[in-house]
Amino acid sequence: MKFDHVLKQMKDRMPEKRYIHTRGVALTAIHLAEKYGEDTAKAEIAGILHDSVKYADKEWLRAKILSEKMDPNLLNFHHELWHAPVGSYVAKNEFNIDDEDVLQAIKYHTTGRANMSPLEKIIYISDMIEPSRNFPGVDLLREKAEKDLEDAMISCIHHSITFLIGKKQPVFPDSFHCYNDLIQKRGKVKE
């Protein structure tokens, strides 16, 4: 991989299992970028950095959301969401990533959003289907990702929203906006 030196830096930031996941996301993102005609280097670096602060201190994440004037509504939802926007900030300020599409892909990899770019969709999907993921329905999502990026994205966001609702967890509004945008642009997916 082109960014092995950055991937190695992730080893100190996360447990081995998360490092394996991160590598899997990067490799899956490269594959999907090749398949759908997107920039593989952007996909790789976004995949590597997407969870760079997943294990950062919760209070530090909260402080960054406030000090950098990120969406304060994030603080009303589970802290699992916080690492994505703060990770985008870290990618820009610590790793000197200045490509807005890469930064947005990192920022929205947990929630999705309306009007996602192809790279944003690739990172969101890759995070969900990379090889170490093992949950009911993941194989179907992998199959969809090989056939149609839009259908795969609709199915992935549907899966995520359904999972959260099934656990009686709140769903961040960007996820609903993402789902609605995709459906309105494409129409229903045949499950």
N, C-alpha and C. Protein backbone atom coordinates (compact mmCIF):
# COMPACT_ATOMS: atom_id res chain seq x y z
N MET A 1 0.83 -1.18 0.00
CA MET A 1 0.00 0.00 0.00
C MET A 1 0.88 1.25 0.00
N LYS A 2 0.35 2.31 -0.57
CA LYS A 2 1.09 3.56 -0.71
C LYS A 2 1.35 4.24 0.63
N PHE A 3 0.42 4.10 1.57
CA PHE A 3 0.52 4.82 2.85
C PHE A 3 0.81 3.88 4.02
N ASP A 4 1.66 2.88 3.80
CA ASP A 4 2.03 1.96 4.88
C ASP A 4 2.62 2.69 6.09
N HIS A 5 3.36 3.77 5.84
CA HIS A 5 3.97 4.52 6.94
C HIS A 5 2.90 5.15 7.84
N VAL A 6 1.76 5.55 7.26
CA VAL A 6 0.67 6.10 8.07
C VAL A 6 -0.06 4.97 8.78
N LEU A 7 -0.25 3.88 8.07
CA LEU A 7 -0.91 2.71 8.68
C LEU A 7 -0.13 2.25 9.91
N LYS A 8 1.19 2.24 9.83
CA LYS A 8 2.02 1.83 10.97
C LYS A 8 1.78 2.73 12.17
N GLN A 9 1.53 4.01 11.93
CA GLN A 9 1.27 4.95 13.03
C GLN A 9 -0.03 4.62 13.76
N MET A 10 -0.94 3.95 13.09
CA MET A 10 -2.22 3.60 13.71
C MET A 10 -2.05 2.50 14.75
N LYS A 11 -1.00 1.71 14.64
CA LYS A 11 -0.78 0.59 15.58
C LYS A 11 -0.73 1.06 17.03
N ASP A 12 -0.14 2.23 17.26
CA ASP A 12 -0.03 2.75 18.62
C ASP A 12 -1.31 3.40 19.12
N ARG A 13 -2.26 3.62 18.24
CA ARG A 13 -3.48 4.34 18.58
C ARG A 13 -4.67 3.43 18.86
N MET A 14 -4.50 2.15 18.63
CA MET A 14 -5.66 1.26 18.72
C MET A 14 -5.25 -0.17 19.06
N PRO A 15 -6.21 -0.95 19.58
CA PRO A 15 -5.93 -2.37 19.83
C PRO A 15 -5.69 -3.11 18.50
N GLU A 16 -5.08 -4.26 18.60
CA GLU A 16 -4.75 -5.05 17.41
C GLU A 16 -5.98 -5.34 16.55
N LYS A 17 -7.09 -5.68 17.19
CA LYS A 17 -8.31 -5.99 16.44
C LYS A 17 -8.77 -4.79 15.61
N ARG A 18 -8.68 -3.59 16.17
CA ARG A 18 -9.07 -2.37 15.44
C ARG A 18 -8.07 -2.07 14.34
N TYR A 19 -6.79 -2.37 14.58
CA TYR A 19 -5.77 -2.18 13.55
C TYR A 19 -6.06 -3.09 12.36
N ILE A 20 -6.43 -4.33 12.63
CA ILE A 20 -6.79 -5.26 11.55
C ILE A 20 -7.99 -4.72 10.78
N HIS A 21 -8.97 -4.21 11.52
CA HIS A 21 -10.15 -3.59 10.90
C HIS A 21 -9.72 -2.41 10.01
N THR A 22 -8.87 -1.55 10.53
CA THR A 22 -8.42 -0.37 9.79
C THR A 22 -7.73 -0.76 8.49
N ARG A 23 -6.85 -1.75 8.58
CA ARG A 23 -6.17 -2.24 7.37
C ARG A 23 -7.19 -2.81 6.39
N GLY A 24 -8.17 -3.54 6.92
CA GLY A 24 -9.22 -4.11 6.07
C GLY A 24 -10.06 -3.04 5.38
N VAL A 25 -10.35 -1.96 6.10
CA VAL A 25 -11.11 -0.85 5.51
C VAL A 25 -10.30 -0.22 4.38
N ALA A 26 -9.02 0.00 4.61
CA ALA A 26 -8.18 0.61 3.58
C ALA A 26 -8.11 -0.27 2.33
N LEU A 27 -7.91 -1.56 2.52
CA LEU A 27 -7.83 -2.47 1.37
C LEU A 27 -9.17 -2.58 0.64
N THR A 28 -10.26 -2.63 1.39
CA THR A 28 -11.59 -2.69 0.78
C THR A 28 -11.86 -1.39 0.02
N ALA A 29 -11.48 -0.27 0.61
CA ALA A 29 -11.68 1.03 -0.04
C ALA A 29 -10.88 1.13 -1.34
N ILE A 30 -9.66 0.64 -1.33
CA ILE A 30 -8.85 0.63 -2.56
C ILE A 30 -9.57 -0.19 -3.63
N HIS A 31 -10.03 -1.38 -3.25
CA HIS A 31 -10.73 -2.26 -4.19
C HIS A 31 -11.97 -1.57 -4.78
N LEU A 32 -12.80 -0.98 -3.91
CA LEU A 32 -14.02 -0.33 -4.39
C LEU A 32 -13.69 0.92 -5.23
N ALA A 33 -12.65 1.64 -4.86
CA ALA A 33 -12.25 2.81 -5.65
C ALA A 33 -11.83 2.38 -7.05
N GLU A 34 -11.05 1.31 -7.14
CA GLU A 34 -10.67 0.78 -8.46
C GLU A 34 -11.91 0.38 -9.25
N LYS A 35 -12.82 -0.32 -8.59
CA LYS A 35 -14.03 -0.83 -9.24
C LYS A 35 -14.91 0.29 -9.77
N TYR A 36 -15.02 1.38 -9.02
CA TYR A 36 -15.94 2.45 -9.38
C TYR A 36 -15.25 3.71 -9.92
N GLY A 37 -13.97 3.57 -10.30
CA GLY A 37 -13.28 4.66 -10.98
C GLY A 37 -12.94 5.86 -10.11
N GLU A 38 -12.69 5.62 -8.84
CA GLU A 38 -12.32 6.70 -7.93
C GLU A 38 -10.83 6.63 -7.62
N ASP A 39 -10.32 7.66 -7.00
CA ASP A 39 -8.90 7.78 -6.68
C ASP A 39 -8.53 6.80 -5.56
N THR A 40 -7.68 5.84 -5.88
CA THR A 40 -7.33 4.80 -4.90
C THR A 40 -6.47 5.35 -3.75
N ALA A 41 -5.64 6.35 -4.03
CA ALA A 41 -4.81 6.93 -2.96
C ALA A 41 -5.70 7.64 -1.93
N LYS A 42 -6.70 8.37 -2.40
CA LYS A 42 -7.63 9.03 -1.48
C LYS A 42 -8.40 8.00 -0.67
N ALA A 43 -8.83 6.94 -1.33
CA ALA A 43 -9.57 5.89 -0.63
C ALA A 43 -8.69 5.23 0.44
N GLU A 44 -7.44 4.96 0.09
CA GLU A 44 -6.53 4.32 1.03
C GLU A 44 -6.29 5.18 2.27
N ILE A 45 -5.95 6.47 2.07
CA ILE A 45 -5.63 7.31 3.23
C ILE A 45 -6.87 7.56 4.08
N ALA A 46 -8.03 7.72 3.46
CA ALA A 46 -9.26 7.89 4.24
C ALA A 46 -9.56 6.63 5.04
N GLY A 47 -9.35 5.47 4.43
CA GLY A 47 -9.56 4.20 5.13
C GLY A 47 -8.61 4.03 6.30
N ILE A 48 -7.38 4.40 6.12
CA ILE A 48 -6.38 4.28 7.19
C ILE A 48 -6.70 5.22 8.35
N LEU A 49 -7.12 6.44 8.05
CA LEU A 49 -7.31 7.45 9.09
C LEU A 49 -8.71 7.50 9.68
N HIS A 50 -9.65 6.72 9.15
CA HIS A 50 -11.05 6.88 9.57
C HIS A 50 -11.26 6.65 11.07
N ASP A 51 -10.50 5.78 11.68
CA ASP A 51 -10.65 5.49 13.11
C ASP A 51 -9.45 5.96 13.94
N SER A 52 -8.74 6.96 13.46
CA SER A 52 -7.49 7.38 14.10
C SER A 52 -7.67 7.83 15.55
N VAL A 53 -8.85 8.33 15.91
CA VAL A 53 -9.09 8.76 17.29
C VAL A 53 -10.22 7.97 17.95
N LYS A 54 -10.50 6.81 17.43
CA LYS A 54 -11.58 5.97 17.98
C LYS A 54 -11.36 5.68 19.46
N TYR A 55 -10.12 5.57 19.87
CA TYR A 55 -9.82 5.22 21.26
C TYR A 55 -9.28 6.41 22.05
N ALA A 56 -9.49 7.59 21.54
CA ALA A 56 -9.08 8.80 22.27
C ALA A 56 -9.99 8.99 23.48
N ASP A 57 -9.50 9.72 24.45
CA ASP A 57 -10.26 10.02 25.66
C ASP A 57 -11.56 10.74 25.31
N LYS A 58 -12.65 10.28 25.90
CA LYS A 58 -13.97 10.83 25.61
C LYS A 58 -14.04 12.32 25.92
N GLU A 59 -13.44 12.75 27.00
CA GLU A 59 -13.47 14.17 27.35
C GLU A 59 -12.65 15.02 26.38
N TRP A 60 -11.57 14.45 25.87
CA TRP A 60 -10.77 15.15 24.86
C TRP A 60 -11.59 15.31 23.58
N LEU A 61 -12.30 14.23 23.17
CA LEU A 61 -13.15 14.31 21.99
C LEU A 61 -14.23 15.39 22.18
N ARG A 62 -14.87 15.39 23.34
CA ARG A 62 -15.91 16.38 23.64
C ARG A 62 -15.32 17.81 23.55
N ALA A 63 -14.14 17.98 24.12
CA ALA A 63 -13.50 19.30 24.12
C ALA A 63 -13.20 19.75 22.68
N LYS A 64 -12.74 18.84 21.83
CA LYS A 64 -12.45 19.17 20.43
C LYS A 64 -13.72 19.55 19.69
N ILE A 65 -14.81 18.83 19.93
CA ILE A 65 -16.08 19.15 19.28
C ILE A 65 -16.48 20.58 19.63
N LEU A 66 -16.30 20.95 20.88
CA LEU A 66 -16.68 22.29 21.33
C LEU A 66 -15.69 23.35 20.84
N SER A 67 -14.40 23.10 21.02
CA SER A 67 -13.40 24.13 20.68
C SER A 67 -13.32 24.37 19.17
N GLU A 68 -13.57 23.34 18.38
CA GLU A 68 -13.49 23.48 16.92
C GLU A 68 -14.85 23.80 16.29
N LYS A 69 -15.83 24.04 17.15
CA LYS A 69 -17.17 24.43 16.71
C LYS A 69 -17.79 23.44 15.73
N MET A 70 -17.63 22.16 16.06
CA MET A 70 -18.28 21.10 15.29
C MET A 70 -19.75 21.06 15.70
N ASP A 71 -20.54 20.28 15.03
CA ASP A 71 -21.98 20.20 15.31
C ASP A 71 -22.18 19.85 16.78
N PRO A 72 -22.71 20.78 17.60
CA PRO A 72 -22.89 20.49 19.02
C PRO A 72 -23.94 19.42 19.29
N ASN A 73 -24.78 19.16 18.31
CA ASN A 73 -25.79 18.11 18.45
C ASN A 73 -25.14 16.73 18.65
N LEU A 74 -23.91 16.57 18.18
CA LEU A 74 -23.19 15.31 18.39
C LEU A 74 -23.13 14.93 19.87
N LEU A 75 -23.02 15.94 20.73
CA LEU A 75 -22.87 15.68 22.16
C LEU A 75 -24.16 15.13 22.79
N ASN A 76 -25.26 15.19 22.08
CA ASN A 76 -26.52 14.62 22.55
C ASN A 76 -26.68 13.16 22.15
N PHE A 77 -25.70 12.63 21.43
CA PHE A 77 -25.74 11.25 20.95
C PHE A 77 -24.56 10.47 21.51
N HIS A 78 -24.59 9.17 21.31
CA HIS A 78 -23.56 8.28 21.84
C HIS A 78 -22.17 8.74 21.40
N HIS A 79 -21.24 8.68 22.33
CA HIS A 79 -19.87 9.14 22.05
C HIS A 79 -19.18 8.35 20.94
N GLU A 80 -19.73 7.19 20.56
CA GLU A 80 -19.16 6.42 19.44
C GLU A 80 -19.14 7.25 18.15
N LEU A 81 -20.04 8.21 18.03
CA LEU A 81 -20.09 9.04 16.83
C LEU A 81 -19.00 10.11 16.80
N TRP A 82 -18.47 10.46 17.94
CA TRP A 82 -17.58 11.61 18.05
C TRP A 82 -16.26 11.44 17.32
N HIS A 83 -15.78 10.19 17.23
CA HIS A 83 -14.46 9.99 16.64
C HIS A 83 -14.40 10.34 15.16
N ALA A 84 -15.53 10.34 14.48
CA ALA A 84 -15.51 10.60 13.03
C ALA A 84 -15.23 12.08 12.73
N PRO A 85 -16.02 13.02 13.26
CA PRO A 85 -15.69 14.42 12.97
C PRO A 85 -14.35 14.86 13.59
N VAL A 86 -14.04 14.37 14.78
CA VAL A 86 -12.75 14.73 15.38
C VAL A 86 -11.62 14.07 14.58
N GLY A 87 -11.85 12.88 14.07
CA GLY A 87 -10.86 12.22 13.23
C GLY A 87 -10.56 13.01 11.96
N SER A 88 -11.57 13.64 11.41
CA SER A 88 -11.37 14.49 10.24
C SER A 88 -10.49 15.69 10.61
N TYR A 89 -10.75 16.26 11.77
CA TYR A 89 -9.93 17.37 12.27
C TYR A 89 -8.47 16.92 12.45
N VAL A 90 -8.28 15.74 13.04
CA VAL A 90 -6.92 15.21 13.26
C VAL A 90 -6.23 14.91 11.93
N ALA A 91 -6.98 14.37 10.98
CA ALA A 91 -6.40 14.09 9.66
C ALA A 91 -5.84 15.37 9.04
N LYS A 92 -6.59 16.45 9.19
CA LYS A 92 -6.16 17.74 8.62
C LYS A 92 -5.01 18.34 9.41
N ASN A 93 -5.11 18.35 10.71
CA ASN A 93 -4.17 19.09 11.54
C ASN A 93 -2.94 18.31 11.99
N GLU A 94 -3.06 17.00 12.06
CA GLU A 94 -1.90 16.19 12.48
C GLU A 94 -1.24 15.48 11.30
N PHE A 95 -2.06 15.03 10.35
CA PHE A 95 -1.54 14.27 9.21
C PHE A 95 -1.47 15.10 7.94
N ASN A 96 -1.83 16.40 8.06
CA ASN A 96 -1.72 17.34 6.94
C ASN A 96 -2.50 16.95 5.69
N ILE A 97 -3.65 16.35 5.89
CA ILE A 97 -4.54 16.02 4.78
C ILE A 97 -5.33 17.28 4.46
N ASP A 98 -5.24 17.72 3.22
CA ASP A 98 -5.96 18.94 2.85
C ASP A 98 -7.03 18.68 1.79
N ASP A 99 -7.20 17.45 1.38
CA ASP A 99 -8.22 17.11 0.40
C ASP A 99 -9.59 17.05 1.09
N GLU A 100 -10.47 17.94 0.71
CA GLU A 100 -11.77 18.06 1.37
C GLU A 100 -12.60 16.77 1.25
N ASP A 101 -12.50 16.07 0.13
CA ASP A 101 -13.27 14.83 -0.05
C ASP A 101 -12.80 13.76 0.93
N VAL A 102 -11.50 13.66 1.14
CA VAL A 102 -10.94 12.71 2.12
C VAL A 102 -11.42 13.08 3.52
N LEU A 103 -11.35 14.36 3.84
CA LEU A 103 -11.77 14.82 5.17
C LEU A 103 -13.25 14.56 5.40
N GLN A 104 -14.07 14.78 4.39
CA GLN A 104 -15.50 14.53 4.51
C GLN A 104 -15.78 13.03 4.64
N ALA A 105 -15.03 12.21 3.92
CA ALA A 105 -15.21 10.75 4.01
C ALA A 105 -14.94 10.26 5.44
N ILE A 106 -13.92 10.82 6.07
CA ILE A 106 -13.62 10.47 7.47
C ILE A 106 -14.72 11.00 8.38
N LYS A 107 -15.11 12.25 8.17
CA LYS A 107 -16.08 12.91 9.04
C LYS A 107 -17.43 12.19 9.07
N TYR A 108 -17.85 11.64 7.93
CA TYR A 108 -19.20 11.06 7.84
C TYR A 108 -19.21 9.53 7.76
N HIS A 109 -18.10 8.89 8.11
CA HIS A 109 -18.06 7.42 7.96
C HIS A 109 -18.94 6.69 8.98
N THR A 110 -19.40 7.35 10.03
CA THR A 110 -20.28 6.68 11.00
C THR A 110 -21.75 6.98 10.76
N THR A 111 -22.05 8.17 10.23
CA THR A 111 -23.45 8.58 10.11
C THR A 111 -23.94 8.63 8.68
N GLY A 112 -23.05 8.83 7.73
CA GLY A 112 -23.48 9.17 6.39
C GLY A 112 -24.05 10.58 6.41
N ARG A 113 -24.50 11.05 5.26
CA ARG A 113 -25.13 12.36 5.15
C ARG A 113 -25.79 12.45 3.78
N ALA A 114 -26.62 13.44 3.59
CA ALA A 114 -27.18 13.69 2.26
C ALA A 114 -26.07 14.15 1.32
N ASN A 115 -26.22 13.84 0.06
CA ASN A 115 -25.28 14.30 -0.99
C ASN A 115 -23.86 13.81 -0.78
N MET A 116 -23.70 12.54 -0.41
CA MET A 116 -22.37 11.98 -0.23
C MET A 116 -21.66 11.85 -1.58
N SER A 117 -20.36 12.09 -1.56
CA SER A 117 -19.53 11.86 -2.76
C SER A 117 -19.30 10.36 -2.91
N PRO A 118 -18.86 9.93 -4.09
CA PRO A 118 -18.52 8.50 -4.24
C PRO A 118 -17.47 8.04 -3.21
N LEU A 119 -16.47 8.87 -2.92
CA LEU A 119 -15.45 8.48 -1.94
C LEU A 119 -16.07 8.32 -0.55
N GLU A 120 -16.94 9.23 -0.16
CA GLU A 120 -17.61 9.12 1.14
C GLU A 120 -18.38 7.80 1.23
N LYS A 121 -19.08 7.44 0.16
CA LYS A 121 -19.83 6.18 0.13
C LYS A 121 -18.88 4.99 0.22
N ILE A 122 -17.77 5.06 -0.48
CA ILE A 122 -16.79 3.97 -0.46
C ILE A 122 -16.27 3.74 0.96
N ILE A 123 -15.96 4.81 1.68
CA ILE A 123 -15.43 4.65 3.04
C ILE A 123 -16.52 4.15 3.97
N TYR A 124 -17.71 4.67 3.86
CA TYR A 124 -18.83 4.21 4.70
C TYR A 124 -19.06 2.71 4.49
N ILE A 125 -19.15 2.30 3.24
CA ILE A 125 -19.39 0.89 2.91
C ILE A 125 -18.22 0.03 3.35
N SER A 126 -17.00 0.47 3.06
CA SER A 126 -15.81 -0.31 3.41
C SER A 126 -15.72 -0.55 4.91
N ASP A 127 -16.08 0.46 5.68
CA ASP A 127 -16.08 0.33 7.14
C ASP A 127 -17.05 -0.77 7.58
N MET A 128 -18.13 -0.93 6.87
CA MET A 128 -19.14 -1.90 7.25
C MET A 128 -18.85 -3.32 6.74
N ILE A 129 -18.17 -3.44 5.60
CA ILE A 129 -18.05 -4.76 4.96
C ILE A 129 -16.65 -5.33 4.94
N GLU A 130 -15.67 -4.61 5.47
CA GLU A 130 -14.28 -5.12 5.39
C GLU A 130 -14.21 -6.55 5.92
N PRO A 131 -13.18 -7.31 5.50
CA PRO A 131 -13.14 -8.76 5.76
C PRO A 131 -13.29 -9.22 7.21
N SER A 132 -12.88 -8.43 8.19
CA SER A 132 -12.99 -8.91 9.57
C SER A 132 -14.38 -8.70 10.16
N ARG A 133 -15.25 -8.00 9.46
CA ARG A 133 -16.63 -7.81 9.94
C ARG A 133 -17.39 -9.12 9.82
N ASN A 134 -18.16 -9.42 10.86
CA ASN A 134 -18.92 -10.67 10.87
C ASN A 134 -20.23 -10.44 11.60
N PHE A 135 -21.29 -10.17 10.86
CA PHE A 135 -22.61 -9.98 11.44
C PHE A 135 -23.64 -10.48 10.43
N PRO A 136 -24.83 -10.82 10.88
CA PRO A 136 -25.85 -11.31 9.95
C PRO A 136 -26.13 -10.27 8.86
N GLY A 137 -26.02 -10.69 7.62
CA GLY A 137 -26.30 -9.81 6.50
C GLY A 137 -25.07 -9.19 5.85
N VAL A 138 -23.89 -9.36 6.45
CA VAL A 138 -22.69 -8.73 5.88
C VAL A 138 -22.36 -9.30 4.51
N ASP A 139 -22.60 -10.58 4.30
CA ASP A 139 -22.28 -11.16 2.99
C ASP A 139 -23.14 -10.56 1.88
N LEU A 140 -24.41 -10.31 2.18
CA LEU A 140 -25.29 -9.67 1.20
C LEU A 140 -24.80 -8.25 0.90
N LEU A 141 -24.37 -7.53 1.93
CA LEU A 141 -23.84 -6.18 1.71
C LEU A 141 -22.58 -6.23 0.85
N ARG A 142 -21.74 -7.23 1.07
CA ARG A 142 -20.52 -7.39 0.25
C ARG A 142 -20.88 -7.66 -1.20
N GLU A 143 -21.87 -8.51 -1.41
CA GLU A 143 -22.33 -8.80 -2.78
C GLU A 143 -22.83 -7.54 -3.46
N LYS A 144 -23.62 -6.76 -2.75
CA LYS A 144 -24.16 -5.52 -3.33
C LYS A 144 -23.04 -4.55 -3.67
N ALA A 145 -22.01 -4.48 -2.82
CA ALA A 145 -20.89 -3.57 -3.07
C ALA A 145 -20.15 -3.94 -4.35
N GLU A 146 -20.17 -5.20 -4.71
CA GLU A 146 -19.52 -5.65 -5.94
C GLU A 146 -20.34 -5.33 -7.18
N LYS A 147 -21.62 -5.04 -7.00
CA LYS A 147 -22.52 -4.84 -8.14
C LYS A 147 -22.88 -3.39 -8.39
N ASP A 148 -23.15 -2.63 -7.33
CA ASP A 148 -23.66 -1.27 -7.52
C ASP A 148 -23.41 -0.46 -6.25
N LEU A 149 -22.63 0.60 -6.38
CA LEU A 149 -22.25 1.41 -5.22
C LEU A 149 -23.47 2.05 -4.55
N GLU A 150 -24.40 2.54 -5.35
CA GLU A 150 -25.58 3.20 -4.80
C GLU A 150 -26.46 2.22 -4.02
N ASP A 151 -26.74 1.07 -4.62
CA ASP A 151 -27.55 0.07 -3.93
C ASP A 151 -26.86 -0.40 -2.65
N ALA A 152 -25.54 -0.55 -2.72
CA ALA A 152 -24.79 -0.97 -1.53
C ALA A 152 -24.90 0.09 -0.44
N MET A 153 -24.80 1.36 -0.81
CA MET A 153 -24.88 2.43 0.19
C MET A 153 -26.26 2.47 0.82
N ILE A 154 -27.30 2.34 0.01
CA ILE A 154 -28.66 2.33 0.55
C ILE A 154 -28.82 1.17 1.51
N SER A 155 -28.35 0.01 1.13
CA SER A 155 -28.47 -1.16 2.00
C SER A 155 -27.66 -1.01 3.28
N CYS A 156 -26.48 -0.41 3.19
CA CYS A 156 -25.65 -0.22 4.38
C CYS A 156 -26.28 0.78 5.36
N ILE A 157 -26.77 1.90 4.86
CA ILE A 157 -27.37 2.88 5.76
C ILE A 157 -28.67 2.33 6.34
N HIS A 158 -29.41 1.58 5.54
CA HIS A 158 -30.63 0.92 6.02
C HIS A 158 -30.29 -0.05 7.15
N HIS A 159 -29.24 -0.84 6.95
CA HIS A 159 -28.81 -1.80 7.96
C HIS A 159 -28.44 -1.08 9.26
N SER A 160 -27.69 0.00 9.13
CA SER A 160 -27.24 0.75 10.31
C SER A 160 -28.41 1.34 11.08
N ILE A 161 -29.33 1.98 10.36
CA ILE A 161 -30.50 2.60 11.01
C ILE A 161 -31.36 1.52 11.67
N THR A 162 -31.60 0.44 10.95
CA THR A 162 -32.43 -0.66 11.47
C THR A 162 -31.79 -1.27 12.72
N PHE A 163 -30.47 -1.43 12.70
CA PHE A 163 -29.74 -1.98 13.84
C PHE A 163 -29.93 -1.08 15.07
N LEU A 164 -29.75 0.22 14.88
CA LEU A 164 -29.90 1.15 16.01
C LEU A 164 -31.33 1.17 16.54
N ILE A 165 -32.29 1.19 15.64
CA ILE A 165 -33.70 1.18 16.07
C ILE A 165 -34.01 -0.11 16.81
N GLY A 166 -33.49 -1.23 16.32
CA GLY A 166 -33.70 -2.51 16.97
C GLY A 166 -33.14 -2.55 18.39
N LYS A 167 -32.08 -1.78 18.63
CA LYS A 167 -31.49 -1.70 19.97
C LYS A 167 -32.08 -0.56 20.79
N LYS A 168 -33.12 0.09 20.23
CA LYS A 168 -33.77 1.23 20.88
C LYS A 168 -32.76 2.35 21.18
N GLN A 169 -31.87 2.57 20.21
CA GLN A 169 -30.87 3.63 20.31
C GLN A 169 -31.29 4.81 19.42
N PRO A 170 -30.95 6.02 19.80
CA PRO A 170 -31.26 7.15 18.94
C PRO A 170 -30.42 7.09 17.66
N VAL A 171 -30.96 7.64 16.60
CA VAL A 171 -30.28 7.67 15.30
C VAL A 171 -29.95 9.13 14.99
N PHE A 172 -28.68 9.39 14.71
CA PHE A 172 -28.26 10.76 14.40
C PHE A 172 -28.98 11.23 13.13
N PRO A 173 -29.46 12.46 13.11
CA PRO A 173 -30.25 12.95 11.97
C PRO A 173 -29.56 12.81 10.61
N ASP A 174 -28.23 12.96 10.55
CA ASP A 174 -27.53 12.82 9.27
C ASP A 174 -27.80 11.46 8.62
N SER A 175 -27.98 10.42 9.44
CA SER A 175 -28.23 9.09 8.89
C SER A 175 -29.59 9.04 8.19
N PHE A 176 -30.59 9.64 8.82
CA PHE A 176 -31.90 9.71 8.16
C PHE A 176 -31.83 10.55 6.89
N HIS A 177 -31.10 11.67 6.96
CA HIS A 177 -30.96 12.52 5.77
C HIS A 177 -30.25 11.76 4.65
N CYS A 178 -29.26 10.97 5.01
CA CYS A 178 -28.53 10.15 4.04
C CYS A 178 -29.48 9.17 3.37
N TYR A 179 -30.21 8.42 4.18
CA TYR A 179 -31.14 7.43 3.66
C TYR A 179 -32.18 8.08 2.74
N ASN A 180 -32.80 9.15 3.22
CA ASN A 180 -33.83 9.82 2.44
C ASN A 180 -33.28 10.35 1.12
N ASP A 181 -32.11 10.94 1.15
CA ASP A 181 -31.47 11.47 -0.06
C ASP A 181 -31.23 10.35 -1.07
N LEU A 182 -30.68 9.25 -0.61
CA LEU A 182 -30.39 8.13 -1.51
C LEU A 182 -31.67 7.56 -2.12
N ILE A 183 -32.68 7.39 -1.30
CA ILE A 183 -33.95 6.83 -1.79
C ILE A 183 -34.61 7.79 -2.79
N GLN A 184 -34.60 9.06 -2.47
CA GLN A 184 -35.24 10.03 -3.35
C GLN A 184 -34.51 10.14 -4.69
N LYS A 185 -33.20 9.96 -4.69
CA LYS A 185 -32.43 10.03 -5.93
C LYS A 185 -32.51 8.74 -6.74
N ARG A 186 -32.57 7.63 -6.05
CA ARG A 186 -32.44 6.34 -6.73
C ARG A 186 -33.73 5.54 -6.76
N GLY A 187 -34.53 5.66 -5.73
CA GLY A 187 -35.69 4.80 -5.62
C GLY A 187 -35.38 3.61 -4.75
N LYS A 188 -36.38 2.86 -4.43
CA LYS A 188 -36.22 1.71 -3.52
C LYS A 188 -35.26 0.67 -4.07
N VAL A 189 -34.57 0.04 -3.15
CA VAL A 189 -33.68 -1.08 -3.47
C VAL A 189 -34.44 -2.36 -3.29
N LYS A 190 -34.23 -3.29 -4.20
CA LYS A 190 -34.84 -4.61 -4.03
C LYS A 190 -33.98 -5.42 -3.08
N GLU A 191 -34.56 -5.80 -1.96
CA GLU A 191 -33.81 -6.58 -0.96
C GLU A 191 -33.83 -8.05 -1.30
